[in-house]
Amino acid sequence: MTAENGTPDPHEPPVHPVTGLDEVVHQRVRLGILAIAHEARRVEFGYLRTQLDLTAGNLSKHLSVLETAGLVEIEKGYAGRRGRTWITLTAAGAAALAEEIERLKLLITRLETTDTPEDR
């Protein structure tokens, strides 16, 4: 917690930035899915599979976790005669990705300003 003036409350232990990392978002593959989906309006399943070097089954499981959490929408359809699956980042997904990135930035800043054992 912070005092009214925005400074940390000296009576409360500091919270480490890793405590705010989201287990659903932070997993390497799911973070990759969200990042790629953020870069595009809509991304095709095969593109994600190739970019993240995954099997179709593995990617499907991760997409299911993200869809259940409301972070992506999955749309199935056809391009010509071929079945296609498209993934779109939801507003909640964009917010969760932004929060994860902020937490990682806090962690990086903290580590960059910490002495290494060699400096002590």
PDB file of N, CA and C in Angstrom:
ATOM      1  N   MET A   1       0.848  -1.183   0.000  1.00  0.00           N
ATOM      2  CA  MET A   1       0.000   0.000   0.000  1.00  0.00           C
ATOM      3  C   MET A   1       0.890   1.240   0.000  1.00  0.00           C
ATOM      4  N   THR A   2       0.288   2.343  -0.362  1.00  0.00           N
ATOM      5  CA  THR A   2       1.027   3.598  -0.350  1.00  0.00           C
ATOM      6  C   THR A   2       0.315   4.593   0.547  1.00  0.00           C
ATOM      7  N   ALA A   3       1.075   5.557   1.032  1.00  0.00           N
ATOM      8  CA  ALA A   3       0.511   6.635   1.825  1.00  0.00           C
ATOM      9  C   ALA A   3      -0.266   7.562   0.887  1.00  0.00           C
ATOM     10  N   GLU A   4      -1.004   8.497   1.473  1.00  0.00           N
ATOM     11  CA  GLU A   4      -1.814   9.410   0.667  1.00  0.00           C
ATOM     12  C   GLU A   4      -0.988  10.211  -0.326  1.00  0.00           C
ATOM     13  N   ASN A   5       0.270  10.483  -0.016  1.00  0.00           N
ATOM     14  CA  ASN A   5       1.109  11.267  -0.913  1.00  0.00           C
ATOM     15  C   ASN A   5       1.753  10.420  -2.007  1.00  0.00           C
ATOM     16  N   GLY A   6       1.423   9.114  -2.064  1.00  0.00           N
ATOM     17  CA  GLY A   6       1.939   8.250  -3.117  1.00  0.00           C
ATOM     18  C   GLY A   6       3.230   7.536  -2.788  1.00  0.00           C
ATOM     19  N   THR A   7       3.797   7.796  -1.622  1.00  0.00           N
ATOM     20  CA  THR A   7       5.033   7.115  -1.234  1.00  0.00           C
ATOM     21  C   THR A   7       4.696   5.763  -0.616  1.00  0.00           C
ATOM     22  N   PRO A   8       5.605   4.810  -0.715  1.00  0.00           N
ATOM     23  CA  PRO A   8       5.344   3.504  -0.112  1.00  0.00           C
ATOM     24  C   PRO A   8       5.180   3.607   1.394  1.00  0.00           C
ATOM     25  N   ASP A   9       4.265   2.822   1.940  1.00  0.00           N
ATOM     26  CA  ASP A   9       4.051   2.780   3.379  1.00  0.00           C
ATOM     27  C   ASP A   9       5.225   2.031   4.010  1.00  0.00           C
ATOM     28  N   PRO A  10       5.992   2.681   4.888  1.00  0.00           N
ATOM     29  CA  PRO A  10       7.175   2.028   5.472  1.00  0.00           C
ATOM     30  C   PRO A  10       6.826   0.852   6.377  1.00  0.00           C
ATOM     31  N   HIS A  11       5.561   0.724   6.778  1.00  0.00           N
ATOM     32  CA  HIS A  11       5.144  -0.357   7.658  1.00  0.00           C
ATOM     33  C   HIS A  11       4.740  -1.617   6.886  1.00  0.00           C
ATOM     34  N   GLU A  12       4.646  -1.525   5.577  1.00  0.00           N
ATOM     35  CA  GLU A  12       4.270  -2.669   4.758  1.00  0.00           C
ATOM     36  C   GLU A  12       5.494  -3.184   4.006  1.00  0.00           C
ATOM     37  N   PRO A  13       5.662  -4.502   3.949  1.00  0.00           N
ATOM     38  CA  PRO A  13       6.806  -5.026   3.183  1.00  0.00           C
ATOM     39  C   PRO A  13       6.609  -4.727   1.697  1.00  0.00           C
ATOM     40  N   PRO A  14       7.701  -4.439   0.977  1.00  0.00           N
ATOM     41  CA  PRO A  14       7.566  -4.159  -0.453  1.00  0.00           C
ATOM     42  C   PRO A  14       7.118  -5.413  -1.200  1.00  0.00           C
ATOM     43  N   VAL A  15       6.333  -5.210  -2.231  1.00  0.00           N
ATOM     44  CA  VAL A  15       5.851  -6.313  -3.048  1.00  0.00           C
ATOM     45  C   VAL A  15       6.785  -6.453  -4.242  1.00  0.00           C
ATOM     46  N   HIS A  16       7.308  -7.633  -4.426  1.00  0.00           N
ATOM     47  CA  HIS A  16       8.217  -7.884  -5.544  1.00  0.00           C
ATOM     48  C   HIS A  16       7.416  -7.900  -6.848  1.00  0.00           C
ATOM     49  N   PRO A  17       7.966  -7.351  -7.946  1.00  0.00           N
ATOM     50  CA  PRO A  17       7.233  -7.302  -9.217  1.00  0.00           C
ATOM     51  C   PRO A  17       6.739  -8.665  -9.725  1.00  0.00           C
ATOM     52  N   VAL A  18       7.429  -9.748  -9.386  1.00  0.00           N
ATOM     53  CA  VAL A  18       6.993 -11.050  -9.893  1.00  0.00           C
ATOM     54  C   VAL A  18       5.672 -11.493  -9.282  1.00  0.00           C
ATOM     55  N   THR A  19       5.285 -10.921  -8.140  1.00  0.00           N
ATOM     56  CA  THR A  19       4.022 -11.334  -7.524  1.00  0.00           C
ATOM     57  C   THR A  19       2.822 -10.928  -8.369  1.00  0.00           C
ATOM     58  N   GLY A  20       2.989  -9.975  -9.241  1.00  0.00           N
ATOM     59  CA  GLY A  20       1.883  -9.538 -10.084  1.00  0.00           C
ATOM     60  C   GLY A  20       1.824 -10.208 -11.446  1.00  0.00           C
ATOM     61  N   LEU A  21       2.778 -11.095 -11.738  1.00  0.00           N
ATOM     62  CA  LEU A  21       2.750 -11.774 -13.035  1.00  0.00           C
ATOM     63  C   LEU A  21       1.554 -12.718 -13.092  1.00  0.00           C
ATOM     64  N   ASP A  22       0.879 -12.712 -14.215  1.00  0.00           N
ATOM     65  CA  ASP A  22      -0.322 -13.529 -14.417  1.00  0.00           C
ATOM     66  C   ASP A  22       0.085 -14.894 -14.956  1.00  0.00           C
ATOM     67  N   GLU A  23      -0.233 -15.959 -14.245  1.00  0.00           N
ATOM     68  CA  GLU A  23       0.157 -17.314 -14.646  1.00  0.00           C
ATOM     69  C   GLU A  23      -0.407 -17.692 -16.018  1.00  0.00           C
ATOM     70  N   VAL A  24      -1.582 -17.222 -16.342  1.00  0.00           N
ATOM     71  CA  VAL A  24      -2.179 -17.537 -17.648  1.00  0.00           C
ATOM     72  C   VAL A  24      -1.410 -16.844 -18.757  1.00  0.00           C
ATOM     73  N   VAL A  25      -1.070 -15.594 -18.556  1.00  0.00           N
ATOM     74  CA  VAL A  25      -0.404 -14.785 -19.580  1.00  0.00           C
ATOM     75  C   VAL A  25       1.091 -15.081 -19.645  1.00  0.00           C
ATOM     76  N   HIS A  26       1.720 -15.288 -18.513  1.00  0.00           N
ATOM     77  CA  HIS A  26       3.180 -15.331 -18.459  1.00  0.00           C
ATOM     78  C   HIS A  26       3.797 -16.578 -19.081  1.00  0.00           C
ATOM     79  N   GLN A  27       3.072 -17.653 -19.180  1.00  0.00           N
ATOM     80  CA  GLN A  27       3.620 -18.870 -19.770  1.00  0.00           C
ATOM     81  C   GLN A  27       4.151 -18.535 -21.163  1.00  0.00           C
ATOM     82  N   ARG A  28       5.336 -19.014 -21.516  1.00  0.00           N
ATOM     83  CA  ARG A  28       6.044 -18.617 -22.726  1.00  0.00           C
ATOM     84  C   ARG A  28       5.185 -18.684 -23.989  1.00  0.00           C
ATOM     85  N   VAL A  29       4.519 -19.785 -24.234  1.00  0.00           N
ATOM     86  CA  VAL A  29       3.730 -19.942 -25.464  1.00  0.00           C
ATOM     87  C   VAL A  29       2.543 -18.990 -25.461  1.00  0.00           C
ATOM     88  N   ARG A  30       1.847 -18.898 -24.336  1.00  0.00           N
ATOM     89  CA  ARG A  30       0.673 -18.016 -24.284  1.00  0.00           C
ATOM     90  C   ARG A  30       1.076 -16.554 -24.410  1.00  0.00           C
ATOM     91  N   LEU A  31       2.209 -16.176 -23.829  1.00  0.00           N
ATOM     92  CA  LEU A  31       2.710 -14.809 -23.998  1.00  0.00           C
ATOM     93  C   LEU A  31       3.013 -14.558 -25.471  1.00  0.00           C
ATOM     94  N   GLY A  32       3.591 -15.538 -26.139  1.00  0.00           N
ATOM     95  CA  GLY A  32       3.864 -15.424 -27.571  1.00  0.00           C
ATOM     96  C   GLY A  32       2.593 -15.277 -28.385  1.00  0.00           C
ATOM     97  N   ILE A  33       1.578 -16.060 -28.069  1.00  0.00           N
ATOM     98  CA  ILE A  33       0.295 -15.967 -28.778  1.00  0.00           C
ATOM     99  C   ILE A  33      -0.281 -14.568 -28.625  1.00  0.00           C
ATOM    100  N   LEU A  34      -0.318 -14.077 -27.398  1.00  0.00           N
ATOM    101  CA  LEU A  34      -0.877 -12.744 -27.145  1.00  0.00           C
ATOM    102  C   LEU A  34      -0.072 -11.660 -27.849  1.00  0.00           C
ATOM    103  N   ALA A  35       1.250 -11.782 -27.837  1.00  0.00           N
ATOM    104  CA  ALA A  35       2.098 -10.774 -28.488  1.00  0.00           C
ATOM    105  C   ALA A  35       1.859 -10.758 -29.996  1.00  0.00           C
ATOM    106  N   ILE A  36       1.809 -11.929 -30.609  1.00  0.00           N
ATOM    107  CA  ILE A  36       1.583 -11.992 -32.059  1.00  0.00           C
ATOM    108  C   ILE A  36       0.181 -11.498 -32.392  1.00  0.00           C
ATOM    109  N   ALA A  37      -0.801 -11.899 -31.607  1.00  0.00           N
ATOM    110  CA  ALA A  37      -2.177 -11.439 -31.849  1.00  0.00           C
ATOM    111  C   ALA A  37      -2.292  -9.933 -31.671  1.00  0.00           C
ATOM    112  N   HIS A  38      -1.498  -9.377 -30.771  1.00  0.00           N
ATOM    113  CA  HIS A  38      -1.490  -7.924 -30.569  1.00  0.00           C
ATOM    114  C   HIS A  38      -0.940  -7.197 -31.804  1.00  0.00           C
ATOM    115  N   GLU A  39       0.020  -7.817 -32.467  1.00  0.00           N
ATOM    116  CA  GLU A  39       0.644  -7.202 -33.637  1.00  0.00           C
ATOM    117  C   GLU A  39      -0.262  -7.219 -34.869  1.00  0.00           C
ATOM    118  N   ALA A  40      -1.227  -8.112 -34.885  1.00  0.00           N
ATOM    119  CA  ALA A  40      -2.099  -8.250 -36.058  1.00  0.00           C
ATOM    120  C   ALA A  40      -3.557  -8.065 -35.636  1.00  0.00           C
ATOM    121  N   ARG A  41      -4.380  -7.670 -36.582  1.00  0.00           N
ATOM    122  CA  ARG A  41      -5.812  -7.559 -36.288  1.00  0.00           C
ATOM    123  C   ARG A  41      -6.401  -8.932 -36.002  1.00  0.00           C
ATOM    124  N   ARG A  42      -5.923  -9.902 -36.760  1.00  0.00           N
ATOM    125  CA  ARG A  42      -6.388 -11.282 -36.637  1.00  0.00           C
ATOM    126  C   ARG A  42      -5.286 -12.175 -37.179  1.00  0.00           C
ATOM    127  N   VAL A  43      -5.028 -13.282 -36.494  1.00  0.00           N
ATOM    128  CA  VAL A  43      -3.910 -14.150 -36.882  1.00  0.00           C
ATOM    129  C   VAL A  43      -4.438 -15.566 -37.133  1.00  0.00           C
ATOM    130  N   GLU A  44      -3.877 -16.215 -38.137  1.00  0.00           N
ATOM    131  CA  GLU A  44      -4.311 -17.557 -38.511  1.00  0.00           C
ATOM    132  C   GLU A  44      -3.558 -18.606 -37.694  1.00  0.00           C
ATOM    133  N   PHE A  45      -4.242 -19.665 -37.346  1.00  0.00           N
ATOM    134  CA  PHE A  45      -3.711 -20.748 -36.525  1.00  0.00           C
ATOM    135  C   PHE A  45      -2.376 -21.270 -37.061  1.00  0.00           C
ATOM    136  N   GLY A  46      -2.304 -21.537 -38.344  1.00  0.00           N
ATOM    137  CA  GLY A  46      -1.086 -22.074 -38.949  1.00  0.00           C
ATOM    138  C   GLY A  46       0.097 -21.125 -38.808  1.00  0.00           C
ATOM    139  N   TYR A  47      -0.156 -19.838 -38.912  1.00  0.00           N
ATOM    140  CA  TYR A  47       0.903 -18.851 -38.743  1.00  0.00           C
ATOM    141  C   TYR A  47       1.444 -18.904 -37.310  1.00  0.00           C
ATOM    142  N   LEU A  48       0.538 -18.940 -36.330  1.00  0.00           N
ATOM    143  CA  LEU A  48       0.963 -19.048 -34.935  1.00  0.00           C
ATOM    144  C   LEU A  48       1.769 -20.319 -34.706  1.00  0.00           C
ATOM    145  N   ARG A  49       1.281 -21.418 -35.251  1.00  0.00           N
ATOM    146  CA  ARG A  49       1.957 -22.708 -35.080  1.00  0.00           C
ATOM    147  C   ARG A  49       3.386 -22.637 -35.604  1.00  0.00           C
ATOM    148  N   THR A  50       3.548 -22.053 -36.783  1.00  0.00           N
ATOM    149  CA  THR A  50       4.872 -21.930 -37.388  1.00  0.00           C
ATOM    150  C   THR A  50       5.763 -20.971 -36.612  1.00  0.00           C
ATOM    151  N   GLN A  51       5.250 -19.802 -36.277  1.00  0.00           N
ATOM    152  CA  GLN A  51       6.049 -18.785 -35.586  1.00  0.00           C
ATOM    153  C   GLN A  51       6.507 -19.238 -34.206  1.00  0.00           C
ATOM    154  N   LEU A  52       5.669 -20.012 -33.525  1.00  0.00           N
ATOM    155  CA  LEU A  52       5.994 -20.447 -32.168  1.00  0.00           C
ATOM    156  C   LEU A  52       6.578 -21.857 -32.129  1.00  0.00           C
ATOM    157  N   ASP A  53       6.722 -22.476 -33.305  1.00  0.00           N
ATOM    158  CA  ASP A  53       7.315 -23.805 -33.435  1.00  0.00           C
ATOM    159  C   ASP A  53       6.625 -24.828 -32.530  1.00  0.00           C
ATOM    160  N   LEU A  54       5.302 -24.958 -32.740  1.00  0.00           N
ATOM    161  CA  LEU A  54       4.480 -25.833 -31.912  1.00  0.00           C
ATOM    162  C   LEU A  54       3.774 -26.874 -32.764  1.00  0.00           C
ATOM    163  N   THR A  55       3.334 -27.935 -32.117  1.00  0.00           N
ATOM    164  CA  THR A  55       2.439 -28.869 -32.795  1.00  0.00           C
ATOM    165  C   THR A  55       1.038 -28.271 -32.750  1.00  0.00           C
ATOM    166  N   ALA A  56       0.179 -28.741 -33.619  1.00  0.00           N
ATOM    167  CA  ALA A  56      -1.202 -28.247 -33.643  1.00  0.00           C
ATOM    168  C   ALA A  56      -1.895 -28.524 -32.315  1.00  0.00           C
ATOM    169  N   GLY A  57      -1.665 -29.701 -31.758  1.00  0.00           N
ATOM    170  CA  GLY A  57      -2.302 -30.054 -30.492  1.00  0.00           C
ATOM    171  C   GLY A  57      -1.854 -29.179 -29.345  1.00  0.00           C
ATOM    172  N   ASN A  58      -0.553 -28.895 -29.280  1.00  0.00           N
ATOM    173  CA  ASN A  58      -0.020 -28.046 -28.228  1.00  0.00           C
ATOM    174  C   ASN A  58      -0.589 -26.643 -28.341  1.00  0.00           C
ATOM    175  N   LEU A  59      -0.603 -26.093 -29.544  1.00  0.00           N
ATOM    176  CA  LEU A  59      -1.157 -24.756 -29.749  1.00  0.00           C
ATOM    177  C   LEU A  59      -2.633 -24.724 -29.370  1.00  0.00           C
ATOM    178  N   SER A  60      -3.371 -25.744 -29.756  1.00  0.00           N
ATOM    179  CA  SER A  60      -4.806 -25.805 -29.433  1.00  0.00           C
ATOM    180  C   SER A  60      -5.048 -25.748 -27.932  1.00  0.00           C
ATOM    181  N   LYS A  61      -4.235 -26.468 -27.168  1.00  0.00           N
ATOM    182  CA  LYS A  61      -4.396 -26.464 -25.711  1.00  0.00           C
ATOM    183  C   LYS A  61      -4.149 -25.079 -25.134  1.00  0.00           C
ATOM    184  N   HIS A  62      -3.108 -24.395 -25.604  1.00  0.00           N
ATOM    185  CA  HIS A  62      -2.816 -23.051 -25.104  1.00  0.00           C
ATOM    186  C   HIS A  62      -3.913 -22.064 -25.512  1.00  0.00           C
ATOM    187  N   LEU A  63      -4.412 -22.198 -26.722  1.00  0.00           N
ATOM    188  CA  LEU A  63      -5.499 -21.317 -27.163  1.00  0.00           C
ATOM    189  C   LEU A  63      -6.758 -21.543 -26.335  1.00  0.00           C
ATOM    190  N   SER A  64      -7.000 -22.773 -25.967  1.00  0.00           N
ATOM    191  CA  SER A  64      -8.160 -23.091 -25.136  1.00  0.00           C
ATOM    192  C   SER A  64      -8.068 -22.392 -23.778  1.00  0.00           C
ATOM    193  N   VAL A  65      -6.877 -22.395 -23.181  1.00  0.00           N
ATOM    194  CA  VAL A  65      -6.664 -21.711 -21.901  1.00  0.00           C
ATOM    195  C   VAL A  65      -6.938 -20.219 -22.060  1.00  0.00           C
ATOM    196  N   LEU A  66      -6.393 -19.620 -23.118  1.00  0.00           N
ATOM    197  CA  LEU A  66      -6.582 -18.182 -23.348  1.00  0.00           C
ATOM    198  C   LEU A  66      -8.033 -17.839 -23.654  1.00  0.00           C
ATOM    199  N   GLU A  67      -8.705 -18.693 -24.402  1.00  0.00           N
ATOM    200  CA  GLU A  67     -10.114 -18.454 -24.733  1.00  0.00           C
ATOM    201  C   GLU A  67     -10.977 -18.557 -23.478  1.00  0.00           C
ATOM    202  N   THR A  68     -10.733 -19.561 -22.656  1.00  0.00           N
ATOM    203  CA  THR A  68     -11.483 -19.731 -21.409  1.00  0.00           C
ATOM    204  C   THR A  68     -11.301 -18.519 -20.496  1.00  0.00           C
ATOM    205  N   ALA A  69     -10.114 -17.949 -20.495  1.00  0.00           N
ATOM    206  CA  ALA A  69      -9.827 -16.764 -19.680  1.00  0.00           C
ATOM    207  C   ALA A  69     -10.386 -15.483 -20.302  1.00  0.00           C
ATOM    208  N   GLY A  70     -10.927 -15.579 -21.522  1.00  0.00           N
ATOM    209  CA  GLY A  70     -11.495 -14.410 -22.181  1.00  0.00           C
ATOM    210  C   GLY A  70     -10.466 -13.497 -22.811  1.00  0.00           C
ATOM    211  N   LEU A  71      -9.257 -14.013 -23.055  1.00  0.00           N
ATOM    212  CA  LEU A  71      -8.188 -13.173 -23.582  1.00  0.00           C
ATOM    213  C   LEU A  71      -8.090 -13.200 -25.105  1.00  0.00           C
ATOM    214  N   VAL A  72      -8.632 -14.239 -25.728  1.00  0.00           N
ATOM    215  CA  VAL A  72      -8.685 -14.324 -27.189  1.00  0.00           C
ATOM    216  C   VAL A  72     -10.052 -14.835 -27.614  1.00  0.00           C
ATOM    217  N   GLU A  73     -10.396 -14.512 -28.844  1.00  0.00           N
ATOM    218  CA  GLU A  73     -11.582 -15.080 -29.484  1.00  0.00           C
ATOM    219  C   GLU A  73     -11.102 -15.959 -30.623  1.00  0.00           C
ATOM    220  N   ILE A  74     -11.743 -17.097 -30.788  1.00  0.00           N
ATOM    221  CA  ILE A  74     -11.371 -18.034 -31.838  1.00  0.00           C
ATOM    222  C   ILE A  74     -12.535 -18.140 -32.821  1.00  0.00           C
ATOM    223  N   GLU A  75     -12.211 -17.961 -34.081  1.00  0.00           N
ATOM    224  CA  GLU A  75     -13.221 -17.987 -35.150  1.00  0.00           C
ATOM    225  C   GLU A  75     -12.833 -19.058 -36.153  1.00  0.00           C
ATOM    226  N   LYS A  76     -13.751 -19.961 -36.407  1.00  0.00           N
ATOM    227  CA  LYS A  76     -13.497 -21.016 -37.393  1.00  0.00           C
ATOM    228  C   LYS A  76     -14.294 -20.693 -38.650  1.00  0.00           C
ATOM    229  N   GLY A  77     -13.687 -20.956 -39.785  1.00  0.00           N
ATOM    230  CA  GLY A  77     -14.341 -20.679 -41.051  1.00  0.00           C
ATOM    231  C   GLY A  77     -13.584 -21.342 -42.177  1.00  0.00           C
ATOM    232  N   TYR A  78     -13.806 -20.846 -43.368  1.00  0.00           N
ATOM    233  CA  TYR A  78     -13.166 -21.411 -44.555  1.00  0.00           C
ATOM    234  C   TYR A  78     -12.524 -20.309 -45.376  1.00  0.00           C
ATOM    235  N   ALA A  79     -11.409 -20.667 -45.984  1.00  0.00           N
ATOM    236  CA  ALA A  79     -10.766 -19.841 -47.004  1.00  0.00           C
ATOM    237  C   ALA A  79     -10.762 -20.744 -48.230  1.00  0.00           C
ATOM    238  N   GLY A  80     -11.712 -20.497 -49.122  1.00  0.00           N
ATOM    239  CA  GLY A  80     -11.923 -21.436 -50.224  1.00  0.00           C
ATOM    240  C   GLY A  80     -12.528 -22.704 -49.651  1.00  0.00           C
ATOM    241  N   ARG A  81     -11.930 -23.828 -49.947  1.00  0.00           N
ATOM    242  CA  ARG A  81     -12.421 -25.100 -49.412  1.00  0.00           C
ATOM    243  C   ARG A  81     -11.680 -25.551 -48.161  1.00  0.00           C
ATOM    244  N   ARG A  82     -10.685 -24.801 -47.770  1.00  0.00           N
ATOM    245  CA  ARG A  82      -9.862 -25.202 -46.621  1.00  0.00           C
ATOM    246  C   ARG A  82     -10.386 -24.586 -45.329  1.00  0.00           C
ATOM    247  N   GLY A  83     -10.503 -25.427 -44.323  1.00  0.00           N
ATOM    248  CA  GLY A  83     -10.892 -24.941 -43.007  1.00  0.00           C
ATOM    249  C   GLY A  83      -9.790 -24.080 -42.423  1.00  0.00           C
ATOM    250  N   ARG A  84     -10.185 -23.008 -41.782  1.00  0.00           N
ATOM    251  CA  ARG A  84      -9.222 -22.089 -41.172  1.00  0.00           C
ATOM    252  C   ARG A  84      -9.693 -21.722 -39.773  1.00  0.00           C
ATOM    253  N   THR A  85      -8.735 -21.405 -38.925  1.00  0.00           N
ATOM    254  CA  THR A  85      -9.030 -20.912 -37.584  1.00  0.00           C
ATOM    255  C   THR A  85      -8.269 -19.611 -37.401  1.00  0.00           C
ATOM    256  N   TRP A  86      -9.000 -18.559 -36.990  1.00  0.00           N
ATOM    257  CA  TRP A  86      -8.397 -17.254 -36.770  1.00  0.00           C
ATOM    258  C   TRP A  86      -8.505 -16.896 -35.297  1.00  0.00           C
ATOM    259  N   ILE A  87      -7.488 -16.224 -34.810  1.00  0.00           N
ATOM    260  CA  ILE A  87      -7.427 -15.827 -33.412  1.00  0.00           C
ATOM    261  C   ILE A  87      -7.363 -14.308 -33.353  1.00  0.00           C
ATOM    262  N   THR A  88      -8.180 -13.737 -32.465  1.00  0.00           N
ATOM    263  CA  THR A  88      -8.227 -12.293 -32.270  1.00  0.00           C
ATOM    264  C   THR A  88      -8.053 -11.994 -30.790  1.00  0.00           C
ATOM    265  N   LEU A  89      -7.256 -11.007 -30.482  1.00  0.00           N
ATOM    266  CA  LEU A  89      -7.053 -10.555 -29.109  1.00  0.00           C
ATOM    267  C   LEU A  89      -8.292  -9.785 -28.654  1.00  0.00           C
ATOM    268  N   THR A  90      -8.816 -10.090 -27.479  1.00  0.00           N
ATOM    269  CA  THR A  90      -9.946  -9.339 -26.929  1.00  0.00           C
ATOM    270  C   THR A  90      -9.425  -8.107 -26.190  1.00  0.00           C
ATOM    271  N   ALA A  91     -10.339  -7.228 -25.803  1.00  0.00           N
ATOM    272  CA  ALA A  91      -9.947  -6.059 -25.006  1.00  0.00           C
ATOM    273  C   ALA A  91      -9.319  -6.519 -23.688  1.00  0.00           C
ATOM    274  N   ALA A  92      -9.884  -7.558 -23.083  1.00  0.00           N
ATOM    275  CA  ALA A  92      -9.317  -8.093 -21.837  1.00  0.00           C
ATOM    276  C   ALA A  92      -7.925  -8.668 -22.097  1.00  0.00           C
ATOM    277  N   GLY A  93      -7.724  -9.292 -23.244  1.00  0.00           N
ATOM    278  CA  GLY A  93      -6.417  -9.836 -23.602  1.00  0.00           C
ATOM    279  C   GLY A  93      -5.387  -8.747 -23.786  1.00  0.00           C
ATOM    280  N   ALA A  94      -5.785  -7.661 -24.436  1.00  0.00           N
ATOM    281  CA  ALA A  94      -4.871  -6.533 -24.629  1.00  0.00           C
ATOM    282  C   ALA A  94      -4.492  -5.920 -23.286  1.00  0.00           C
ATOM    283  N   ALA A  95      -5.471  -5.803 -22.385  1.00  0.00           N
ATOM    284  CA  ALA A  95      -5.201  -5.246 -21.055  1.00  0.00           C
ATOM    285  C   ALA A  95      -4.283  -6.167 -20.256  1.00  0.00           C
ATOM    286  N   ALA A  96      -4.531  -7.475 -20.327  1.00  0.00           N
ATOM    287  CA  ALA A  96      -3.698  -8.441 -19.588  1.00  0.00           C
ATOM    288  C   ALA A  96      -2.267  -8.437 -20.118  1.00  0.00           C
ATOM    289  N   LEU A  97      -2.109  -8.334 -21.438  1.00  0.00           N
ATOM    290  CA  LEU A  97      -0.779  -8.276 -22.034  1.00  0.00           C
ATOM    291  C   LEU A  97      -0.060  -7.001 -21.597  1.00  0.00           C
ATOM    292  N   ALA A  98      -0.762  -5.872 -21.619  1.00  0.00           N
ATOM    293  CA  ALA A  98      -0.159  -4.599 -21.202  1.00  0.00           C
ATOM    294  C   ALA A  98       0.273  -4.653 -19.737  1.00  0.00           C
ATOM    295  N   GLU A  99      -0.549  -5.248 -18.881  1.00  0.00           N
ATOM    296  CA  GLU A  99      -0.211  -5.367 -17.461  1.00  0.00           C
ATOM    297  C   GLU A  99       1.010  -6.262 -17.267  1.00  0.00           C
ATOM    298  N   GLU A 100       1.071  -7.350 -18.019  1.00  0.00           N
ATOM    299  CA  GLU A 100       2.217  -8.259 -17.919  1.00  0.00           C
ATOM    300  C   GLU A 100       3.500  -7.544 -18.339  1.00  0.00           C
ATOM    301  N   ILE A 101       3.424  -6.781 -19.410  1.00  0.00           N
ATOM    302  CA  ILE A 101       4.587  -6.040 -19.891  1.00  0.00           C
ATOM    303  C   ILE A 101       5.033  -5.011 -18.846  1.00  0.00           C
ATOM    304  N   GLU A 102       4.083  -4.339 -18.207  1.00  0.00           N
ATOM    305  CA  GLU A 102       4.431  -3.368 -17.161  1.00  0.00           C
ATOM    306  C   GLU A 102       5.126  -4.054 -15.993  1.00  0.00           C
ATOM    307  N   ARG A 103       4.634  -5.213 -15.588  1.00  0.00           N
ATOM    308  CA  ARG A 103       5.263  -5.964 -14.496  1.00  0.00           C
ATOM    309  C   ARG A 103       6.686  -6.375 -14.873  1.00  0.00           C
ATOM    310  N   LEU A 104       6.860  -6.817 -16.113  1.00  0.00           N
ATOM    311  CA  LEU A 104       8.196  -7.215 -16.562  1.00  0.00           C
ATOM    312  C   LEU A 104       9.133  -6.014 -16.604  1.00  0.00           C
ATOM    313  N   LYS A 105       8.628  -4.861 -17.008  1.00  0.00           N
ATOM    314  CA  LYS A 105       9.442  -3.644 -17.004  1.00  0.00           C
ATOM    315  C   LYS A 105       9.867  -3.284 -15.584  1.00  0.00           C
ATOM    316  N   LEU A 106       8.943  -3.410 -14.623  1.00  0.00           N
ATOM    317  CA  LEU A 106       9.291  -3.147 -13.227  1.00  0.00           C
ATOM    318  C   LEU A 106      10.383  -4.096 -12.747  1.00  0.00           C
ATOM    319  N   LEU A 107      10.268  -5.349 -13.122  1.00  0.00           N
ATOM    320  CA  LEU A 107      11.272  -6.346 -12.734  1.00  0.00           C
ATOM    321  C   LEU A 107      12.623  -6.012 -13.351  1.00  0.00           C
ATOM    322  N   ILE A 108      12.634  -5.664 -14.625  1.00  0.00           N
ATOM    323  CA  ILE A 108      13.879  -5.315 -15.301  1.00  0.00           C
ATOM    324  C   ILE A 108      14.524  -4.097 -14.645  1.00  0.00           C
ATOM    325  N   THR A 109      13.726  -3.079 -14.377  1.00  0.00           N
ATOM    326  CA  THR A 109      14.237  -1.870 -13.724  1.00  0.00           C
ATOM    327  C   THR A 109      14.827  -2.213 -12.368  1.00  0.00           C
ATOM    328  N   ARG A 110      14.131  -3.039 -11.631  1.00  0.00           N
ATOM    329  CA  ARG A 110      14.620  -3.437 -10.309  1.00  0.00           C
ATOM    330  C   ARG A 110      15.959  -4.165 -10.421  1.00  0.00           C
ATOM    331  N   LEU A 111      16.064  -5.075 -11.364  1.00  0.00           N
ATOM    332  CA  LEU A 111      17.296  -5.838 -11.535  1.00  0.00           C
ATOM    333  C   LEU A 111      18.442  -4.973 -12.043  1.00  0.00           C
ATOM    334  N   GLU A 112      18.136  -4.021 -12.901  1.00  0.00           N
ATOM    335  CA  GLU A 112      19.183  -3.145 -13.430  1.00  0.00           C
ATOM    336  C   GLU A 112      19.748  -2.210 -12.366  1.00  0.00           C
ATOM    337  N   THR A 113      18.956  -1.924 -11.341  1.00  0.00           N
ATOM    338  CA  THR A 113      19.422  -0.999 -10.300  1.00  0.00           C
ATOM    339  C   THR A 113      19.932  -1.723  -9.068  1.00  0.00           C
ATOM    340  N   THR A 114      20.020  -3.043  -9.128  1.00  0.00           N
ATOM    341  CA  THR A 114      20.514  -3.845  -8.016  1.00  0.00           C
ATOM    342  C   THR A 114      21.976  -4.196  -8.235  1.00  0.00           C
ATOM    343  N   ASP A 115      22.765  -4.071  -7.209  1.00  0.00           N
ATOM    344  CA  ASP A 115      24.172  -4.478  -7.292  1.00  0.00           C
ATOM    345  C   ASP A 115      24.254  -5.979  -7.559  1.00  0.00           C
ATOM    346  N   THR A 116      25.233  -6.358  -8.341  1.00  0.00           N
ATOM    347  CA  THR A 116      25.494  -7.770  -8.548  1.00  0.00           C
ATOM    348  C   THR A 116      26.427  -8.255  -7.438  1.00  0.00           C
ATOM    349  N   PRO A 117      26.517  -9.557  -7.194  1.00  0.00           N
ATOM    350  CA  PRO A 117      27.431 -10.048  -6.152  1.00  0.00           C
ATOM    351  C   PRO A 117      28.860  -9.567  -6.359  1.00  0.00           C
ATOM    352  N   GLU A 118      29.291  -9.395  -7.604  1.00  0.00           N
ATOM    353  CA  GLU A 118      30.655  -8.930  -7.879  1.00  0.00           C
ATOM    354  C   GLU A 118      30.853  -7.488  -7.438  1.00  0.00           C
ATOM    355  N   ASP A 119      29.762  -6.680  -7.417  1.00  0.00           N
ATOM    356  CA  ASP A 119      29.850  -5.270  -7.031  1.00  0.00           C
ATOM    357  C   ASP A 119      29.915  -5.077  -5.515  1.00  0.00           C
ATOM    358  N   ARG A 120      29.598  -6.113  -4.765  1.00  0.00           N
ATOM    359  CA  ARG A 120      29.516  -5.979  -3.302  1.00  0.00           C
ATOM    360  C   ARG A 120      30.844  -6.158  -2.640  1.00  0.00           C
TER     361      ARG A 120
END
